Amino acid sequence: MRLAFVVSHPIQYYAPLHRLLASRSKLAIKVFFTWHGGHEAVHDPGFGKRLAWDILLTDGYEHEVVPNVSSDPGTHHFWGLRNPGLPERLLAWAPDAVHVTGYAYASHLQLLRALARRKIPVLFRGDSHLLDGRHGWRWWFTRAALRRIYAWPTAFLCVGKANRAYYRACRVPESRLFPCPHSIEVDRFAQPHETLETQAQIWRRELGLDPQTRVLLFVGKFEPKKQPLELMDACASWPVGDWRLLLVGDGELGDLVRRRASANPNRFQVLPFQNQSRMPVVYRLGNIFVLPSAYQETWGLAVNEALACGRPVLVSDRVGCAADVVEQGVNGEVFRAGNWADCRAAYERLRVKPTASAAGLQASARRFDIPVTADHLMAALRQVTKACVNKG
């Protein structure tokens, strides 16, 4: 079986999946990158700087960077991926099926149409949802366009409950929906747990954090949708106590976040962007991980990472993974987005009534481990290619 992947660039969440699938004896894969191959730093609009991950992302599987002729290359707009040679290069590899990530780029959309015309099975992967609320003529127009586009893929890989509901709202038949959850490489964050815990405790002391201080940890881009400033405003009204909000990252709101933190150092502390190899220790700096996003948080894989590090999570109900990952009172709490009184109440529940042990939290993370996704993907691939053979 030959399975081609089409994705914009090497992504830390996808590379382990590609490696695992490439190691399977009855499957050959090749990944076609439509933006870049991760060999040098590129500008990340969210963090506002040039970045290159410090972990290997292209080892262990066959891949190719398809030339991109866009005058403004990137995934920040529709015309950022223009790869005229993509169909020819992909078809020359003679795949039995093609896994395409996202339709919101010129090349990916054109490829979906071309593959449908050639009757080549396509497994489509996206993570859109309706948690932000969509209504009015714009949504009606969008849904009408999507119904046409979504007629092309053979199957849709649903990353979670909210994503499945989105496809159903777009009138995708249930028979074309296959579970295939978002996942992380759990062991990279979970082990060696005791060593990582010791490193985090040393770092906490260097930051002047008392061992008794409960640290609420925010990790990610400082951007409006994730609401770091609103979170800081809400926490500023909480009673003074043995707690601290630690924010790790950077982005367009970085200057405002740092200015607000410096004005109230007893409550807030900020660390700069940390690269991937450091993240298993970063998550352990906190006692509780918080993701208060108000919109466009399609999943929130940082939630999975925090759980893998043995930390409970506090997330808003607009975070795509909330319904799948968070078991309230067991591994975390969910609060109503923008309702900061509800956020505080959820925090108090976590503070007063501890959740599962670190081992229990890591066990909950393993429900969304890379091998789980690989097994679901293979099940969908077998069913789709079998159906295509039967039709032929």
Protein backbone atom coordinates (compact mmCIF):
# COMPACT_ATOMS: atom_id res chain seq x y z
CA MET A 1 0.00 0.00 0.00
CA ARG A 2 1.39 3.42 -0.98
CA LEU A 3 0.10 6.43 0.96
CA ALA A 4 1.15 9.97 0.06
CA PHE A 5 0.85 12.85 2.51
CA VAL A 6 0.42 16.46 1.45
CA VAL A 7 1.15 18.99 4.17
CA SER A 8 2.56 22.50 4.17
CA HIS A 9 5.75 21.87 6.18
CA PRO A 10 7.28 19.60 8.84
CA ILE A 11 5.09 19.85 11.95
CA GLN A 12 6.18 18.55 15.33
CA TYR A 13 2.86 16.78 15.85
CA TYR A 14 2.86 15.02 12.47
CA ALA A 15 6.51 13.96 12.13
CA PRO A 16 6.24 11.15 14.74
CA LEU A 17 3.17 9.82 12.92
CA HIS A 18 5.02 9.82 9.60
CA ARG A 19 7.97 7.98 11.17
CA LEU A 20 5.75 5.36 12.77
CA LEU A 21 3.81 4.69 9.58
CA ALA A 22 7.03 4.50 7.56
CA SER A 23 8.27 1.76 9.88
CA ARG A 24 5.32 -0.51 9.09
CA SER A 25 6.28 -3.29 6.70
CA LYS A 26 3.11 -3.34 4.62
CA LEU A 27 2.95 0.41 4.02
CA ALA A 28 5.09 2.83 2.00
CA ILE A 29 4.64 6.53 2.63
CA LYS A 30 6.00 9.72 1.16
CA VAL A 31 5.37 13.24 2.45
CA PHE A 32 5.11 16.14 0.00
CA PHE A 33 5.77 19.53 1.66
CA THR A 34 4.21 22.49 -0.10
CA TRP A 35 5.88 25.33 1.83
CA HIS A 36 9.28 24.37 3.21
CA GLY A 37 11.22 21.39 4.50
CA GLY A 38 12.14 22.72 7.93
CA HIS A 39 15.85 23.02 7.16
CA GLU A 40 16.10 26.67 8.13
CA ALA A 41 14.27 29.21 10.27
CA VAL A 42 11.16 30.81 8.80
CA HIS A 43 9.06 33.70 10.01
CA ASP A 44 6.23 32.66 12.32
CA PRO A 45 3.55 35.40 12.31
CA GLY A 46 2.07 34.14 15.59
CA PHE A 47 5.33 34.42 17.53
CA GLY A 48 6.48 37.41 15.49
CA LYS A 49 9.97 36.04 14.80
CA ARG A 50 11.95 33.58 12.71
CA LEU A 51 11.85 30.10 14.23
CA ALA A 52 13.35 26.68 13.66
CA TRP A 53 12.39 23.76 15.92
CA ASP A 54 15.33 22.15 17.69
CA ILE A 55 14.09 18.56 17.28
CA LEU A 56 14.35 16.36 14.19
CA LEU A 57 11.22 16.52 12.05
CA THR A 58 12.17 14.94 8.70
CA ASP A 59 14.14 11.86 9.68
CA GLY A 60 12.80 8.32 9.31
CA TYR A 61 10.48 8.79 6.34
CA GLU A 62 10.66 9.68 2.64
CA HIS A 63 9.80 13.29 1.84
CA GLU A 64 10.07 15.92 -0.86
CA VAL A 65 9.73 19.70 -0.90
CA VAL A 66 7.61 20.76 -3.88
CA PRO A 67 8.68 24.15 -5.31
CA ASN A 68 6.37 26.95 -4.18
CA VAL A 69 6.07 29.93 -6.55
CA SER A 70 4.02 32.17 -4.25
CA SER A 71 5.31 35.73 -3.99
CA ASP A 72 4.38 35.66 -0.28
CA PRO A 73 4.93 32.05 0.78
CA GLY A 74 3.36 30.69 3.95
CA THR A 75 0.20 29.34 5.52
CA HIS A 76 -1.12 32.74 6.59
CA HIS A 77 -3.17 33.24 3.41
CA PHE A 78 -4.79 31.26 0.58
CA TRP A 79 -2.20 32.11 -2.10
CA GLY A 80 0.74 31.36 0.19
CA LEU A 81 1.02 27.83 -1.23
CA ARG A 82 1.21 27.73 -5.03
CA ASN A 83 2.85 24.56 -6.30
CA PRO A 84 2.18 24.04 -10.03
CA GLY A 85 4.22 20.83 -10.09
CA LEU A 86 2.46 19.18 -7.15
CA PRO A 87 -0.03 16.94 -9.04
CA GLU A 88 2.60 15.68 -11.47
CA ARG A 89 5.17 14.94 -8.73
CA LEU A 90 2.62 13.24 -6.52
CA LEU A 91 1.12 11.10 -9.30
CA ALA A 92 4.60 10.08 -10.45
CA TRP A 93 5.00 8.34 -7.09
CA ALA A 94 1.84 6.30 -7.91
CA PRO A 95 0.05 6.42 -4.55
CA ASP A 96 -2.88 4.14 -3.74
CA ALA A 97 -4.34 6.95 -1.61
CA VAL A 98 -3.48 10.52 -0.62
CA HIS A 99 -3.75 12.15 2.80
CA VAL A 100 -4.32 15.91 2.42
CA THR A 101 -4.15 18.32 5.35
CA GLY A 102 -6.34 21.42 4.92
CA TYR A 103 -8.11 22.94 1.93
CA ALA A 104 -7.53 26.64 2.62
CA TYR A 105 -4.51 26.97 0.31
CA ALA A 106 -4.55 27.24 -3.48
CA SER A 107 -2.44 24.14 -4.14
CA HIS A 108 -4.27 21.89 -1.68
CA LEU A 109 -7.67 22.89 -3.01
CA GLN A 110 -6.64 22.36 -6.62
CA LEU A 111 -5.12 19.00 -5.72
CA LEU A 112 -8.31 17.81 -4.02
CA ARG A 113 -10.24 18.52 -7.21
CA ALA A 114 -7.62 16.88 -9.44
CA LEU A 115 -7.51 13.70 -7.34
CA ALA A 116 -11.31 13.47 -7.32
CA ARG A 117 -11.35 13.65 -11.11
CA ARG A 118 -8.81 10.83 -11.29
CA LYS A 119 -10.79 8.82 -8.70
CA ILE A 120 -7.78 8.49 -6.41
CA PRO A 121 -8.90 7.93 -2.78
CA VAL A 122 -8.32 10.96 -0.57
CA LEU A 123 -8.22 11.03 3.22
CA PHE A 124 -8.89 14.63 4.20
CA ARG A 125 -7.72 15.97 7.54
CA GLY A 126 -8.79 19.27 9.08
CA ASP A 127 -9.80 20.36 12.56
CA SER A 128 -12.45 23.06 12.09
CA HIS A 129 -15.38 23.25 14.51
CA LEU A 130 -18.45 25.36 15.26
CA LEU A 131 -17.66 26.18 18.90
CA ASP A 132 -17.07 29.84 18.04
CA GLY A 133 -20.65 30.13 16.80
CA ARG A 134 -21.41 30.61 13.11
CA HIS A 135 -24.60 32.08 11.73
CA GLY A 136 -25.96 34.56 9.20
CA TRP A 137 -25.37 34.87 5.50
CA ARG A 138 -21.59 34.47 5.71
CA TRP A 139 -21.90 31.01 7.24
CA TRP A 140 -24.67 30.09 4.78
CA PHE A 141 -22.41 31.09 1.87
CA THR A 142 -19.39 29.31 3.36
CA ARG A 143 -21.33 26.13 4.00
CA ALA A 144 -22.68 26.14 0.45
CA ALA A 145 -19.12 26.41 -0.91
CA LEU A 146 -17.83 23.73 1.47
CA ARG A 147 -20.53 21.28 0.44
CA ARG A 148 -19.09 21.43 -3.07
CA ILE A 149 -15.48 21.11 -1.88
CA TYR A 150 -16.33 18.35 0.59
CA ALA A 151 -17.82 16.28 -2.23
CA TRP A 152 -14.27 15.62 -3.48
CA PRO A 153 -12.52 13.69 -0.62
CA THR A 154 -13.30 10.02 -0.19
CA ALA A 155 -13.08 10.15 3.59
CA PHE A 156 -12.79 12.68 6.40
CA LEU A 157 -10.57 12.00 9.39
CA CYS A 158 -12.36 13.46 12.41
CA VAL A 159 -9.95 14.66 15.09
CA GLY A 160 -12.68 14.89 17.75
CA LYS A 161 -16.33 15.43 18.59
CA ALA A 162 -16.45 19.11 17.65
CA ASN A 163 -14.76 18.43 14.31
CA ARG A 164 -17.22 15.63 13.52
CA ALA A 165 -20.16 17.94 14.33
CA TYR A 166 -18.70 20.52 11.94
CA TYR A 167 -18.59 18.03 9.05
CA ARG A 168 -22.14 16.91 9.81
CA ALA A 169 -23.26 20.56 9.68
CA CYS A 170 -21.66 20.72 6.24
CA ARG A 171 -23.79 17.71 5.22
CA VAL A 172 -20.92 15.24 4.95
CA PRO A 173 -22.50 11.75 5.14
CA GLU A 174 -21.76 9.73 8.26
CA SER A 175 -20.36 6.92 6.07
CA ARG A 176 -17.47 9.17 5.05
CA LEU A 177 -16.50 10.17 8.60
CA PHE A 178 -13.73 8.22 10.33
CA PRO A 179 -12.32 8.81 13.82
CA CYS A 180 -8.64 9.79 13.77
CA PRO A 181 -7.77 11.87 16.85
CA HIS A 182 -5.18 14.59 17.14
CA SER A 183 -2.25 13.27 19.11
CA ILE A 184 1.20 13.96 20.47
CA GLU A 185 4.31 11.88 21.08
CA VAL A 186 3.40 11.23 24.72
CA ASP A 187 6.66 9.59 25.81
CA ARG A 188 8.68 12.64 24.72
CA PHE A 189 6.84 14.65 27.39
CA ALA A 190 6.16 11.96 29.96
CA GLN A 191 9.58 10.34 30.39
CA PRO A 192 11.86 10.32 32.27
CA HIS A 193 9.30 11.86 34.63
CA GLU A 194 11.37 12.09 37.81
CA THR A 195 14.37 13.60 36.02
CA LEU A 196 12.18 16.19 34.32
CA GLU A 197 10.47 17.01 37.62
CA THR A 198 13.85 17.62 39.25
CA GLN A 199 14.92 19.92 36.42
CA ALA A 200 11.66 21.85 36.76
CA GLN A 201 12.09 22.27 40.52
CA ILE A 202 15.60 23.65 40.00
CA TRP A 203 14.27 26.08 37.40
CA ARG A 204 11.43 27.16 39.73
CA ARG A 205 13.97 28.02 42.43
CA GLU A 206 15.99 30.03 39.90
CA LEU A 207 12.80 31.94 39.06
CA GLY A 208 12.24 32.70 42.74
CA LEU A 209 9.14 30.53 42.99
CA ASP A 210 8.57 29.09 46.44
CA PRO A 211 7.88 25.33 46.48
CA GLN A 212 4.51 26.08 48.09
CA THR A 213 3.49 28.57 45.41
CA ARG A 214 0.81 27.24 43.09
CA VAL A 215 1.71 28.24 39.57
CA LEU A 216 -0.99 28.70 36.94
CA LEU A 217 0.83 28.20 33.63
CA PHE A 218 -0.02 29.71 30.24
CA VAL A 219 2.10 28.50 27.31
CA GLY A 220 1.67 29.64 23.72
CA LYS A 221 1.44 32.58 21.40
CA PHE A 222 0.57 35.92 22.96
CA GLU A 223 -2.27 36.67 20.56
CA PRO A 224 -5.84 37.93 20.96
CA LYS A 225 -7.60 34.61 20.44
CA LYS A 226 -5.75 32.99 23.36
CA GLN A 227 -6.64 35.91 25.68
CA PRO A 228 -3.46 36.28 27.75
CA LEU A 229 -4.29 39.90 28.65
CA GLU A 230 -7.85 39.06 29.68
CA LEU A 231 -6.51 36.20 31.79
CA MET A 232 -4.10 38.59 33.50
CA ASP A 233 -6.89 41.09 34.15
CA ALA A 234 -9.04 38.37 35.68
CA CYS A 235 -6.23 37.04 37.87
CA ALA A 236 -5.38 40.54 39.05
CA SER A 237 -8.76 40.63 40.84
CA TRP A 238 -8.20 37.35 42.66
CA PRO A 239 -7.31 37.52 46.37
CA VAL A 240 -3.61 37.75 47.13
CA GLY A 241 -2.33 34.31 48.05
CA ASP A 242 0.29 31.68 47.39
CA TRP A 243 -0.23 31.60 43.63
CA ARG A 244 1.45 33.03 40.53
CA LEU A 245 0.49 33.26 36.85
CA LEU A 246 3.47 32.30 34.71
CA LEU A 247 3.19 33.09 31.00
CA VAL A 248 5.63 31.48 28.55
CA GLY A 249 5.81 32.58 24.92
CA ASP A 250 5.77 35.63 22.68
CA GLY A 251 3.74 37.22 19.92
CA GLU A 252 1.92 40.38 18.88
CA LEU A 253 0.76 41.07 22.46
CA GLY A 254 4.19 40.36 23.91
CA ASP A 255 5.07 43.94 24.87
CA LEU A 256 1.72 44.45 26.60
CA VAL A 257 2.00 41.15 28.47
CA ARG A 258 5.51 41.93 29.70
CA ARG A 259 4.58 45.50 30.67
CA ARG A 260 1.59 44.33 32.66
CA ALA A 261 3.66 41.63 34.35
CA SER A 262 6.43 44.04 35.34
CA ALA A 263 3.83 46.33 36.93
CA ASN A 264 2.59 43.50 39.17
CA PRO A 265 5.54 41.11 39.80
CA ASN A 266 3.89 39.51 42.82
CA ARG A 267 1.21 38.00 40.61
CA PHE A 268 2.73 37.65 37.15
CA GLN A 269 5.93 36.37 35.62
CA VAL A 270 6.88 36.01 31.95
CA LEU A 271 9.37 33.72 30.23
CA PRO A 272 10.36 34.08 26.56
CA PHE A 273 9.60 31.57 23.82
CA GLN A 274 11.01 28.11 24.60
CA ASN A 275 11.92 25.61 21.90
CA GLN A 276 10.59 22.07 21.64
CA SER A 277 13.35 20.22 23.47
CA ARG A 278 12.71 22.37 26.55
CA MET A 279 8.92 21.98 26.67
CA PRO A 280 8.73 18.82 28.85
CA VAL A 281 10.38 20.86 31.60
CA VAL A 282 8.41 24.04 30.88
CA TYR A 283 5.04 22.37 31.52
CA ARG A 284 6.32 21.06 34.85
CA LEU A 285 7.00 24.61 36.06
CA GLY A 286 3.26 24.93 36.62
CA ASN A 287 0.83 23.18 38.92
CA ILE A 288 -2.12 23.78 36.60
CA PHE A 289 -2.05 24.49 32.86
CA VAL A 290 -4.55 27.07 31.53
CA LEU A 291 -5.77 27.70 27.96
CA PRO A 292 -8.54 30.36 27.98
CA SER A 293 -8.96 30.79 24.20
CA ALA A 294 -12.12 32.55 23.02
CA TYR A 295 -12.12 31.57 19.34
CA GLN A 296 -10.28 29.71 16.56
CA GLU A 297 -8.62 27.24 18.92
CA THR A 298 -9.25 24.26 16.69
CA TRP A 299 -7.77 21.73 19.15
CA GLY A 300 -5.13 22.98 21.58
CA LEU A 301 -2.44 20.29 21.57
CA ALA A 302 -0.69 22.08 24.43
CA VAL A 303 -3.47 20.60 26.60
CA ASN A 304 -2.36 17.09 25.61
CA GLU A 305 1.27 18.01 26.29
CA ALA A 306 0.50 19.34 29.76
CA LEU A 307 -1.36 16.14 30.67
CA ALA A 308 1.56 14.06 29.40
CA CYS A 309 3.74 16.04 31.81
CA GLY A 310 1.42 15.10 34.67
CA ARG A 311 -0.34 18.45 35.02
CA PRO A 312 -4.12 19.01 35.25
CA VAL A 313 -5.67 21.45 32.78
CA LEU A 314 -8.06 24.39 32.91
CA VAL A 315 -9.53 25.22 29.48
CA SER A 316 -12.38 27.22 28.01
CA ASP A 317 -15.29 25.55 26.25
CA ARG A 318 -14.16 27.15 22.97
CA VAL A 319 -11.04 24.99 22.88
CA GLY A 320 -11.60 22.23 20.34
CA CYS A 321 -10.22 19.40 22.47
CA ALA A 322 -12.29 20.19 25.59
CA ALA A 323 -15.06 17.66 24.95
CA ASP A 324 -12.64 14.87 24.06
CA VAL A 325 -9.64 15.32 26.33
CA VAL A 326 -10.85 16.98 29.53
CA GLU A 327 -12.58 14.76 32.06
CA GLN A 328 -13.93 17.27 34.57
CA GLY A 329 -12.81 16.60 38.11
CA VAL A 330 -10.47 13.85 36.89
CA ASN A 331 -7.79 15.51 34.76
CA GLY A 332 -9.03 19.10 34.64
CA GLU A 333 -11.91 21.55 34.38
CA VAL A 334 -13.73 23.38 31.58
CA PHE A 335 -15.13 26.92 32.00
CA ARG A 336 -17.30 29.15 29.83
CA ALA A 337 -15.12 31.24 27.52
CA GLY A 338 -14.92 34.87 28.61
CA ASN A 339 -16.66 34.15 31.90
CA TRP A 340 -13.85 34.86 34.33
CA ALA A 341 -15.95 34.18 37.42
CA ASP A 342 -16.52 30.69 36.02
CA CYS A 343 -12.79 30.42 35.31
CA ARG A 344 -11.95 31.26 38.90
CA ALA A 345 -14.53 28.80 40.23
CA ALA A 346 -13.04 26.06 38.05
CA TYR A 347 -9.56 26.96 39.30
CA GLU A 348 -10.76 26.77 42.90
CA ARG A 349 -12.18 23.31 42.26
CA LEU A 350 -8.80 22.18 40.99
CA ARG A 351 -7.01 23.82 43.90
CA VAL A 352 -9.26 22.40 46.63
CA LYS A 353 -9.88 18.96 45.16
CA PRO A 354 -6.78 17.48 43.53
CA THR A 355 -7.21 15.56 40.32
CA ALA A 356 -5.68 12.20 39.39
CA SER A 357 -2.03 11.51 40.15
CA ALA A 358 0.67 12.42 37.67
CA ALA A 359 0.61 8.83 36.45
CA GLY A 360 -3.17 9.00 36.05
CA LEU A 361 -2.92 12.25 34.10
CA GLN A 362 -0.31 10.75 31.82
CA ALA A 363 -2.56 7.74 31.31
CA SER A 364 -5.33 10.06 30.12
CA ALA A 365 -2.88 11.64 27.68
CA ARG A 366 -2.15 8.22 26.17
CA ARG A 367 -5.69 8.07 24.79
CA PHE A 368 -4.32 10.56 22.25
CA ASP A 369 -0.89 9.07 21.59
CA ILE A 370 0.69 8.76 18.12
CA PRO A 371 0.12 4.95 17.85
CA VAL A 372 -3.60 5.51 18.52
CA THR A 373 -3.84 7.94 15.60
CA ALA A 374 -1.81 5.61 13.39
CA ASP A 375 -4.16 2.70 14.06
CA HIS A 376 -7.24 4.81 13.28
CA LEU A 377 -5.63 6.13 10.11
CA MET A 378 -4.78 2.63 8.91
CA ALA A 379 -8.31 1.43 9.61
CA ALA A 380 -9.71 4.29 7.51
CA LEU A 381 -7.18 3.65 4.75
CA ARG A 382 -8.07 -0.05 4.54
CA GLN A 383 -11.78 0.66 4.40
CA VAL A 384 -11.48 3.43 1.81
CA THR A 385 -9.18 1.54 -0.55
CA LYS A 386 -11.28 -1.61 -0.22
CA ALA A 387 -14.41 0.37 -1.09
CA CYS A 388 -12.66 1.87 -4.12
CA VAL A 389 -11.55 -1.57 -5.32
CA ASN A 390 -15.09 -2.88 -4.93
CA LYS A 391 -16.48 0.05 -6.93
CA GLY A 392 -13.92 -0.58 -9.65
